[in-house]
C-alpha atoms as a PDB file:
ATOM      1  CA  UNK A   1      66.736 -10.546-116.582  1.00  0.00           C
ATOM      2  CA  UNK A   2      68.095  -9.981-120.108  1.00  0.00           C
ATOM      3  CA  UNK A   3      65.663  -9.982-123.028  1.00  0.00           C
ATOM      4  CA  UNK A   4      66.806 -11.114-126.485  1.00  0.00           C
ATOM      5  CA  UNK A   5      65.842  -8.916-129.397  1.00  0.00           C
ATOM      6  CA  UNK A   6      62.488  -9.875-130.835  1.00  0.00           C
ATOM      7  CA  UNK A   7      61.466 -11.793-127.681  1.00  0.00           C
ATOM      8  CA  UNK A   8      58.034 -10.798-126.266  1.00  0.00           C
ATOM      9  CA  UNK A   9      57.695 -10.011-122.596  1.00  0.00           C
ATOM     10  CA  UNK A  10      54.505 -10.398-120.637  1.00  0.00           C
ATOM     11  CA  UNK A  11      54.052  -8.029-117.656  1.00  0.00           C
ATOM     12  CA  UNK A  12      51.631  -9.165-114.983  1.00  0.00           C
ATOM     13  CA  UNK A  13      49.827  -6.480-113.049  1.00  0.00           C
ATOM     14  CA  UNK A  14      49.498  -6.766-109.268  1.00  0.00           C
ATOM     15  CA  UNK A  15      46.318  -8.441-108.204  1.00  0.00           C
ATOM     16  CA  UNK A  16      43.846  -6.137-106.392  1.00  0.00           C
ATOM     17  CA  UNK A  17      43.384  -6.859-102.646  1.00  0.00           C
ATOM     18  CA  UNK A  18      40.575  -9.232-101.965  1.00  0.00           C
ATOM     19  CA  UNK A  19      37.774  -7.874 -99.718  1.00  0.00           C
ATOM     20  CA  UNK A  20      37.280  -9.503 -96.338  1.00  0.00           C
ATOM     21  CA  UNK A  21      34.635 -12.187 -96.233  1.00  0.00           C
ATOM     22  CA  UNK A  22      31.228 -10.923 -95.122  1.00  0.00           C
ATOM     23  CA  UNK A  23      31.405 -12.934 -91.907  1.00  0.00           C
ATOM     24  CA  UNK A  24      34.713 -11.299 -90.978  1.00  0.00           C
ATOM     25  CA  UNK A  25      33.305  -7.804 -91.591  1.00  0.00           C
ATOM     26  CA  UNK A  26      30.297  -8.509 -89.371  1.00  0.00           C
ATOM     27  CA  UNK A  27      32.550  -9.922 -86.650  1.00  0.00           C
ATOM     28  CA  UNK A  28      34.778  -6.811 -86.756  1.00  0.00           C
ATOM     29  CA  UNK A  29      31.757  -4.509 -86.434  1.00  0.00           C
ATOM     30  CA  UNK A  30      30.472  -6.508 -83.480  1.00  0.00           C
ATOM     31  CA  UNK A  31      33.859  -6.191 -81.766  1.00  0.00           C
ATOM     32  CA  UNK A  32      33.836  -2.413 -82.289  1.00  0.00           C
ATOM     33  CA  UNK A  33      30.244  -2.107 -80.998  1.00  0.00           C
ATOM     34  CA  UNK A  34      31.033  -4.247 -77.950  1.00  0.00           C
ATOM     35  CA  UNK A  35      34.098  -2.119 -77.229  1.00  0.00           C
ATOM     36  CA  UNK A  36      32.082   1.107 -77.398  1.00  0.00           C
ATOM     37  CA  UNK A  37      29.395  -0.324 -75.100  1.00  0.00           C
ATOM     38  CA  UNK A  38      31.999  -1.462 -72.566  1.00  0.00           C
ATOM     39  CA  UNK A  39      33.665   1.952 -72.659  1.00  0.00           C
ATOM     40  CA  UNK A  40      30.320   3.705 -72.076  1.00  0.00           C
ATOM     41  CA  UNK A  41      29.449   1.435 -69.132  1.00  0.00           C
ATOM     42  CA  UNK A  42      32.888   1.971 -67.600  1.00  0.00           C
ATOM     43  CA  UNK A  43      32.671   5.773 -67.849  1.00  0.00           C
ATOM     44  CA  UNK A  44      28.996   6.151 -66.897  1.00  0.00           C
ATOM     45  CA  UNK A  45      28.760   3.642 -64.063  1.00  0.00           C
ATOM     46  CA  UNK A  46      32.298   3.490 -62.633  1.00  0.00           C
ATOM     47  CA  UNK A  47      34.555   6.429 -63.461  1.00  0.00           C
ATOM     48  CA  UNK A  48      32.039   9.328 -63.367  1.00  0.00           C
ATOM     49  CA  UNK A  49      30.459   8.295 -60.013  1.00  0.00           C
ATOM     50  CA  UNK A  50      33.974   7.841 -58.577  1.00  0.00           C
ATOM     51  CA  UNK A  51      34.988  11.355 -59.634  1.00  0.00           C
ATOM     52  CA  UNK A  52      31.798  12.770 -58.105  1.00  0.00           C
ATOM     53  CA  UNK A  53      32.462  10.904 -54.858  1.00  0.00           C
ATOM     54  CA  UNK A  54      35.962  12.413 -54.647  1.00  0.00           C
ATOM     55  CA  UNK A  55      34.527  15.910 -55.250  1.00  0.00           C
ATOM     56  CA  UNK A  56      31.933  15.391 -52.512  1.00  0.00           C
ATOM     57  CA  UNK A  57      34.573  14.242 -50.016  1.00  0.00           C
ATOM     58  CA  UNK A  58      36.678  17.321 -50.742  1.00  0.00           C
ATOM     59  CA  UNK A  59      33.824  19.863 -50.729  1.00  0.00           C
ATOM     60  CA  UNK A  60      31.414  19.453 -47.802  1.00  0.00           C
ATOM     61  CA  UNK A  61      28.976  21.941 -49.369  1.00  0.00           C
ATOM     62  CA  UNK A  62      28.031  19.329 -51.968  1.00  0.00           C
ATOM     63  CA  UNK A  63      27.116  16.647 -49.439  1.00  0.00           C
ATOM     64  CA  UNK A  64      23.939  18.473 -48.389  1.00  0.00           C
ATOM     65  CA  UNK A  65      23.732  16.668 -45.029  1.00  0.00           C
ATOM     66  CA  UNK A  66      20.299  15.221 -44.151  1.00  0.00           C
ATOM     67  CA  UNK A  67      18.494  17.778 -46.308  1.00  0.00           C
ATOM     68  CA  UNK A  68      19.525  16.276 -49.666  1.00  0.00           C
ATOM     69  CA  UNK A  69      19.268  12.639 -50.697  1.00  0.00           C
ATOM     70  CA  UNK A  70      22.090  10.786 -52.456  1.00  0.00           C
ATOM     71  CA  UNK A  71      22.449   8.115 -55.105  1.00  0.00           C
ATOM     72  CA  UNK A  72      24.133   4.792 -54.354  1.00  0.00           C
ATOM     73  CA  UNK A  73      27.357   6.318 -55.737  1.00  0.00           C
ATOM     74  CA  UNK A  74      27.194   9.211 -53.260  1.00  0.00           C
ATOM     75  CA  UNK A  75      26.108  11.823 -55.821  1.00  0.00           C
ATOM     76  CA  UNK A  76      23.612  14.429 -54.472  1.00  0.00           C
ATOM     77  CA  UNK A  77      20.036  13.452 -55.312  1.00  0.00           C
ATOM     78  CA  UNK A  78      16.669  15.123 -54.820  1.00  0.00           C
ATOM     79  CA  UNK A  79      16.154  17.701 -52.036  1.00  0.00           C
ATOM     80  CA  UNK A  80      14.086  16.864 -48.962  1.00  0.00           C
ATOM     81  CA  UNK A  81      10.968  19.048 -48.913  1.00  0.00           C
ATOM     82  CA  UNK A  82       8.279  17.286 -46.842  1.00  0.00           C
ATOM     83  CA  UNK A  83       7.933  15.310 -43.618  1.00  0.00           C
ATOM     84  CA  UNK A  84       5.051  13.213 -42.315  1.00  0.00           C
ATOM     85  CA  UNK A  85       4.461  12.548 -38.634  1.00  0.00           C
ATOM     86  CA  UNK A  86       2.751   9.240 -37.854  1.00  0.00           C
ATOM     87  CA  UNK A  87       3.188   5.485 -37.837  1.00  0.00           C
ATOM     88  CA  UNK A  88       3.927   3.501 -40.976  1.00  0.00           C
ATOM     89  CA  UNK A  89       0.274   2.500 -41.089  1.00  0.00           C
ATOM     90  CA  UNK A  90      -0.724   6.162 -40.792  1.00  0.00           C
ATOM     91  CA  UNK A  91       1.512   7.097 -43.740  1.00  0.00           C
ATOM     92  CA  UNK A  92       0.351   4.265 -46.012  1.00  0.00           C
ATOM     93  CA  UNK A  93      -3.327   4.815 -45.187  1.00  0.00           C
ATOM     94  CA  UNK A  94      -3.138   8.600 -45.651  1.00  0.00           C
ATOM     95  CA  UNK A  95      -1.194   8.492 -48.933  1.00  0.00           C
ATOM     96  CA  UNK A  96      -3.386   5.824 -50.526  1.00  0.00           C
ATOM     97  CA  UNK A  97      -6.550   7.619 -49.412  1.00  0.00           C
ATOM     98  CA  UNK A  98      -5.170  10.805 -51.003  1.00  0.00           C
ATOM     99  CA  UNK A  99      -4.847   8.999 -54.333  1.00  0.00           C
ATOM    100  CA  UNK A 100      -1.239   7.804 -54.288  1.00  0.00           C
ATOM    101  CA  UNK A 101      -0.031   4.307 -55.198  1.00  0.00           C
ATOM    102  CA  UNK A 102       2.855   2.357 -53.639  1.00  0.00           C
ATOM    103  CA  UNK A 103       5.775   2.247 -56.069  1.00  0.00           C
ATOM    104  CA  UNK A 104       7.343  -1.062 -57.031  1.00  0.00           C
ATOM    105  CA  UNK A 105      11.064  -1.760 -56.573  1.00  0.00           C
ATOM    106  CA  UNK A 106      13.118  -1.899 -59.759  1.00  0.00           C
ATOM    107  CA  UNK A 107      13.520  -5.427 -61.148  1.00  0.00           C
ATOM    108  CA  UNK A 108      14.171  -6.776 -64.632  1.00  0.00           C
ATOM    109  CA  UNK A 109      10.476  -7.592 -65.053  1.00  0.00           C
ATOM    110  CA  UNK A 110       9.317  -4.163 -63.847  1.00  0.00           C
ATOM    111  CA  UNK A 111      11.808  -2.408 -66.124  1.00  0.00           C
ATOM    112  CA  UNK A 112      10.502  -4.368 -69.118  1.00  0.00           C
ATOM    113  CA  UNK A 113       6.930  -3.563 -68.076  1.00  0.00           C
ATOM    114  CA  UNK A 114       7.528   0.179 -67.847  1.00  0.00           C
ATOM    115  CA  UNK A 115       9.186   0.125 -71.272  1.00  0.00           C
ATOM    116  CA  UNK A 116       6.215  -1.658 -72.833  1.00  0.00           C
ATOM    117  CA  UNK A 117       3.744   0.649 -71.091  1.00  0.00           C
ATOM    118  CA  UNK A 118       5.650   3.699 -72.355  1.00  0.00           C
ATOM    119  CA  UNK A 119       5.591   2.453 -75.952  1.00  0.00           C
ATOM    120  CA  UNK A 120       1.884   1.650 -75.911  1.00  0.00           C
ATOM    121  CA  UNK A 121       0.884   4.699 -73.840  1.00  0.00           C
ATOM    122  CA  UNK A 122      -0.485   2.723 -70.908  1.00  0.00           C
ATOM    123  CA  UNK A 123      -0.274   4.256 -67.424  1.00  0.00           C
ATOM    124  CA  UNK A 124       1.239   2.121 -64.669  1.00  0.00           C
ATOM    125  CA  UNK A 125       0.039   2.923 -61.148  1.00  0.00           C
ATOM    126  CA  UNK A 126       2.880   0.865 -59.651  1.00  0.00           C
ATOM    127  CA  UNK A 127       5.790   1.667 -61.965  1.00  0.00           C
ATOM    128  CA  UNK A 128       9.262   0.888 -60.558  1.00  0.00           C
ATOM    129  CA  UNK A 129      11.221   3.473 -58.581  1.00  0.00           C
ATOM    130  CA  UNK A 130      14.982   3.881 -58.457  1.00  0.00           C
ATOM    131  CA  UNK A 131      16.673   3.982 -55.061  1.00  0.00           C
ATOM    132  CA  UNK A 132      17.867   7.149 -53.339  1.00  0.00           C
ATOM    133  CA  UNK A 133      19.580   7.283 -49.968  1.00  0.00           C
ATOM    134  CA  UNK A 134      19.143   9.290 -46.773  1.00  0.00           C
ATOM    135  CA  UNK A 135      20.476   8.543 -43.298  1.00  0.00           C
ATOM    136  CA  UNK A 136      22.734   5.951 -44.924  1.00  0.00           C
ATOM    137  CA  UNK A 137      19.959   3.784 -46.384  1.00  0.00           C
ATOM    138  CA  UNK A 138      17.559   3.648 -49.297  1.00  0.00           C
ATOM    139  CA  UNK A 139      13.958   4.832 -49.015  1.00  0.00           C
ATOM    140  CA  UNK A 140      11.627   3.011 -46.617  1.00  0.00           C
ATOM    141  CA  UNK A 141       8.447   3.910 -48.527  1.00  0.00           C
ATOM    142  CA  UNK A 142       7.738   5.286 -52.009  1.00  0.00           C
ATOM    143  CA  UNK A 143       4.526   6.469 -53.665  1.00  0.00           C
ATOM    144  CA  UNK A 144       3.596   7.756 -57.097  1.00  0.00           C
ATOM    145  CA  UNK A 145       0.824   9.090 -59.309  1.00  0.00           C
ATOM    146  CA  UNK A 146       0.981   8.700 -63.106  1.00  0.00           C
ATOM    147  CA  UNK A 147       0.556  11.782 -65.272  1.00  0.00           C
ATOM    148  CA  UNK A 148      -1.649  11.236 -68.310  1.00  0.00           C
ATOM    149  CA  UNK A 149      -1.287   7.937 -70.157  1.00  0.00           C
ATOM    150  CA  UNK A 150       2.430   7.251 -69.816  1.00  0.00           C
ATOM    151  CA  UNK A 151       4.547   6.100 -66.841  1.00  0.00           C
ATOM    152  CA  UNK A 152       7.395   8.218 -68.201  1.00  0.00           C
ATOM    153  CA  UNK A 153       5.775  11.158 -66.388  1.00  0.00           C
ATOM    154  CA  UNK A 154       4.656  10.767 -62.784  1.00  0.00           C
ATOM    155  CA  UNK A 155       4.486  12.487 -59.441  1.00  0.00           C
ATOM    156  CA  UNK A 156       6.850  10.770 -57.073  1.00  0.00           C
ATOM    157  CA  UNK A 157       7.748  10.863 -53.376  1.00  0.00           C
ATOM    158  CA  UNK A 158      10.148   8.766 -51.319  1.00  0.00           C
ATOM    159  CA  UNK A 159      10.118   8.614 -47.500  1.00  0.00           C
ATOM    160  CA  UNK A 160      12.786   7.695 -44.933  1.00  0.00           C
ATOM    161  CA  UNK A 161      11.990   7.100 -41.263  1.00  0.00           C
ATOM    162  CA  UNK A 162      13.971   9.307 -38.892  1.00  0.00           C
ATOM    163  CA  UNK A 163      15.523   7.872 -35.744  1.00  0.00           C
ATOM    164  CA  UNK A 164      13.817  10.553 -33.621  1.00  0.00           C
ATOM    165  CA  UNK A 165      10.195  11.026 -32.579  1.00  0.00           C
ATOM    166  CA  UNK A 166       7.873  14.039 -32.712  1.00  0.00           C
ATOM    167  CA  UNK A 167       5.343  13.928 -29.868  1.00  0.00           C
ATOM    168  CA  UNK A 168       6.046  10.197 -29.474  1.00  0.00           C
ATOM    169  CA  UNK A 169       5.258   9.535 -33.133  1.00  0.00           C
ATOM    170  CA  UNK A 170       7.669   8.556 -35.938  1.00  0.00           C
ATOM    171  CA  UNK A 171       8.858  11.177 -38.437  1.00  0.00           C
ATOM    172  CA  UNK A 172       9.246  10.389 -42.156  1.00  0.00           C
ATOM    173  CA  UNK A 173      11.367  12.778 -44.231  1.00  0.00           C
ATOM    174  CA  UNK A 174      10.427  12.829 -47.905  1.00  0.00           C
ATOM    175  CA  UNK A 175      11.614  14.059 -51.286  1.00  0.00           C
ATOM    176  CA  UNK A 176       8.739  14.876 -53.658  1.00  0.00           C
ATOM    177  CA  UNK A 177       9.459  15.406 -57.355  1.00  0.00           C
ATOM    178  CA  UNK A 178       7.819  15.361 -60.779  1.00  0.00           C
ATOM    179  CA  UNK A 179       9.513  12.909 -63.128  1.00  0.00           C
ATOM    180  CA  UNK A 180       9.188  14.397 -66.603  1.00  0.00           C
ATOM    181  CA  UNK A 181      11.022  12.017 -68.919  1.00  0.00           C
ATOM    182  CA  UNK A 182      13.531   9.188 -69.260  1.00  0.00           C
ATOM    183  CA  UNK A 183      16.998  10.025 -70.558  1.00  0.00           C
ATOM    184  CA  UNK A 184      20.730   9.927 -69.858  1.00  0.00           C
ATOM    185  CA  UNK A 185      22.174  11.490 -66.730  1.00  0.00           C
ATOM    186  CA  UNK A 186      23.922  14.809 -67.358  1.00  0.00           C
ATOM    187  CA  UNK A 187      26.536  13.928 -64.729  1.00  0.00           C
ATOM    188  CA  UNK A 188      27.370  10.265 -65.395  1.00  0.00           C
ATOM    189  CA  UNK A 189      25.624   9.238 -68.620  1.00  0.00           C
ATOM    190  CA  UNK A 190      23.556   6.576 -66.855  1.00  0.00           C
ATOM    191  CA  UNK A 191      19.944   5.963 -67.859  1.00  0.00           C
ATOM    192  CA  UNK A 192      17.741   7.897 -65.427  1.00  0.00           C
ATOM    193  CA  UNK A 193      14.438   9.721 -64.909  1.00  0.00           C
ATOM    194  CA  UNK A 194      14.752  13.497 -65.266  1.00  0.00           C
ATOM    195  CA  UNK A 195      12.780  15.610 -62.786  1.00  0.00           C
ATOM    196  CA  UNK A 196      11.100  18.993 -63.066  1.00  0.00           C
ATOM    197  CA  UNK A 197      12.763  21.895 -61.222  1.00  0.00           C
ATOM    198  CA  UNK A 198       9.834  22.983 -58.997  1.00  0.00           C
ATOM    199  CA  UNK A 199       9.841  20.638 -56.012  1.00  0.00           C
ATOM    200  CA  UNK A 200       7.820  23.127 -53.969  1.00  0.00           C
ATOM    201  CA  UNK A 201       4.821  22.552 -56.249  1.00  0.00           C
ATOM    202  CA  UNK A 202       5.045  18.804 -55.580  1.00  0.00           C
ATOM    203  CA  UNK A 203       5.366  19.405 -51.842  1.00  0.00           C
ATOM    204  CA  UNK A 204       2.333  21.714 -51.787  1.00  0.00           C
ATOM    205  CA  UNK A 205       0.377  19.236 -53.908  1.00  0.00           C
ATOM    206  CA  UNK A 206       0.832  16.453 -51.366  1.00  0.00           C
ATOM    207  CA  UNK A 207      -0.148  18.729 -48.479  1.00  0.00           C
ATOM    208  CA  UNK A 208      -3.298  19.803 -50.341  1.00  0.00           C
ATOM    209  CA  UNK A 209      -4.278  16.235 -51.250  1.00  0.00           C
ATOM    210  CA  UNK A 210      -3.759  14.942 -47.706  1.00  0.00           C
ATOM    211  CA  UNK A 211      -5.815  17.825 -46.350  1.00  0.00           C
ATOM    212  CA  UNK A 212      -8.608  17.179 -48.867  1.00  0.00           C
ATOM    213  CA  UNK A 213      -8.624  13.511 -47.824  1.00  0.00           C
ATOM    214  CA  UNK A 214      -9.118  14.533 -44.182  1.00  0.00           C
ATOM    215  CA  UNK A 215      -5.814  13.021 -43.041  1.00  0.00           C
ATOM    216  CA  UNK A 216      -4.119  16.147 -41.618  1.00  0.00           C
ATOM    217  CA  UNK A 217      -4.125  17.167 -37.971  1.00  0.00           C
ATOM    218  CA  UNK A 218      -1.659  20.021 -38.361  1.00  0.00           C
ATOM    219  CA  UNK A 219       0.839  21.445 -40.857  1.00  0.00           C
ATOM    220  CA  UNK A 220       4.104  22.803 -39.469  1.00  0.00           C
ATOM    221  CA  UNK A 221       6.053  24.993 -41.886  1.00  0.00           C
ATOM    222  CA  UNK A 222       9.778  25.194 -41.134  1.00  0.00           C
ATOM    223  CA  UNK A 223      11.430  28.155 -42.857  1.00  0.00           C
ATOM    224  CA  UNK A 224      15.075  28.117 -43.981  1.00  0.00           C
ATOM    225  CA  UNK A 225      15.157  24.317 -43.845  1.00  0.00           C
ATOM    226  CA  UNK A 226      16.736  23.960 -47.275  1.00  0.00           C
ATOM    227  CA  UNK A 227      19.861  25.964 -48.013  1.00  0.00           C
ATOM    228  CA  UNK A 228      21.041  26.733 -50.638  1.00  0.00           C
ATOM    229  CA  UNK A 229      17.783  27.384 -52.469  1.00  0.00           C
ATOM    230  CA  UNK A 230      18.842  25.742 -55.725  1.00  0.00           C
ATOM    231  CA  UNK A 231      21.002  22.901 -56.929  1.00  0.00           C
ATOM    232  CA  UNK A 232      21.224  19.864 -59.175  1.00  0.00           C
ATOM    233  CA  UNK A 233      20.320  16.264 -58.462  1.00  0.00           C
ATOM    234  CA  UNK A 234      22.201  13.091 -59.349  1.00  0.00           C
ATOM    235  CA  UNK A 235      20.961  13.212 -62.934  1.00  0.00           C
ATOM    236  CA  UNK A 236      22.165  16.785 -63.372  1.00  0.00           C
ATOM    237  CA  UNK A 237      18.633  18.220 -63.306  1.00  0.00           C
ATOM    238  CA  UNK A 238      18.309  21.719 -61.783  1.00  0.00           C
ATOM    239  CA  UNK A 239      15.933  22.326 -58.887  1.00  0.00           C
ATOM    240  CA  UNK A 240      14.908  25.354 -56.864  1.00  0.00           C
ATOM    241  CA  UNK A 241      12.944  25.899 -53.658  1.00  0.00           C
ATOM    242  CA  UNK A 242      11.702  28.533 -51.240  1.00  0.00           C
ATOM    243  CA  UNK A 243      13.608  26.647 -48.556  1.00  0.00           C
ATOM    244  CA  UNK A 244      10.557  25.579 -46.535  1.00  0.00           C
ATOM    245  CA  UNK A 245       9.834  22.101 -45.189  1.00  0.00           C
ATOM    246  CA  UNK A 246       6.193  21.053 -44.830  1.00  0.00           C
ATOM    247  CA  UNK A 247       5.762  18.997 -41.667  1.00  0.00           C
ATOM    248  CA  UNK A 248       2.387  17.223 -41.855  1.00  0.00           C
ATOM    249  CA  UNK A 249       1.024  15.676 -38.647  1.00  0.00           C
ATOM    250  CA  UNK A 250      -1.257  12.863 -39.800  1.00  0.00           C
ATOM    251  CA  UNK A 251      -4.543  11.746 -38.300  1.00  0.00           C
ATOM    252  CA  UNK A 252      -3.870   8.406 -36.536  1.00  0.00           C
ATOM    253  CA  UNK A 253      -5.178   5.453 -38.518  1.00  0.00           C
ATOM    254  CA  UNK A 254      -7.959   3.790 -36.422  1.00  0.00           C
ATOM    255  CA  UNK A 255      -6.806   0.285 -37.287  1.00  0.00           C
ATOM    256  CA  UNK A 256      -3.290   1.048 -36.124  1.00  0.00           C
ATOM    257  CA  UNK A 257      -4.592   2.611 -32.889  1.00  0.00           C
ATOM    258  CA  UNK A 258      -6.774  -0.435 -32.224  1.00  0.00           C
ATOM    259  CA  UNK A 259      -3.848  -2.814 -32.729  1.00  0.00           C
ATOM    260  CA  UNK A 260      -1.634  -0.738 -30.469  1.00  0.00           C
ATOM    261  CA  UNK A 261      -4.249  -0.576 -27.695  1.00  0.00           C
ATOM    262  CA  UNK A 262      -4.844  -4.325 -27.892  1.00  0.00           C
ATOM    263  CA  UNK A 263      -1.249  -5.256 -27.213  1.00  0.00           C
END
């Protein structure tokens, strides 16, 4: 464009970009947060367990056989360190008499309850228990004892009934641990309970409490049951052991004996 002499020219500056409306900024942040959450869930609950399952299939040493429990994804869980010999009634009677409480299965309501109890420092004698697997199925029985005033710490034991008998009585293999805190799994990133490393102390504690309650006929110690003597569970927590299994023959529960004799 030609400009005649003496003619004024007005130059308009470019208008600055207008910021996004507040609603659009909030929506964008929500999309980003939702994407991050979906990515975390995919990695922690799908991809990581799948990679562990492939590693277990390729390396039989990681499977542990019947001496190590497994998570639902096939990741090695807590080591087996105790066995009870007796009927289901014998086990429930002996454990409750020794001061243990049956553990609740995990549900939405129980998860909310344990969160509230943890915040307010209230112990929960029947806090929920996550599932572990042995012999191809989840635990048949589970017991716990709270530590102090919070359900975040508790003594815990799960039992699975074996398909064989000892002196015509059922055998229940168990994994006893001390749950120390709630956190993210070191192997998958899932939310989990982290255990203490000394499972032998938990095993010996149960034997001592059952003996004190007068519920023990005999204790059979099986050396070299657990090999190797250290490892990590499904949450990535280290554990160690002397390798011994405590086999506790329980005193028969009179009520169970009476029912059996009356049939």
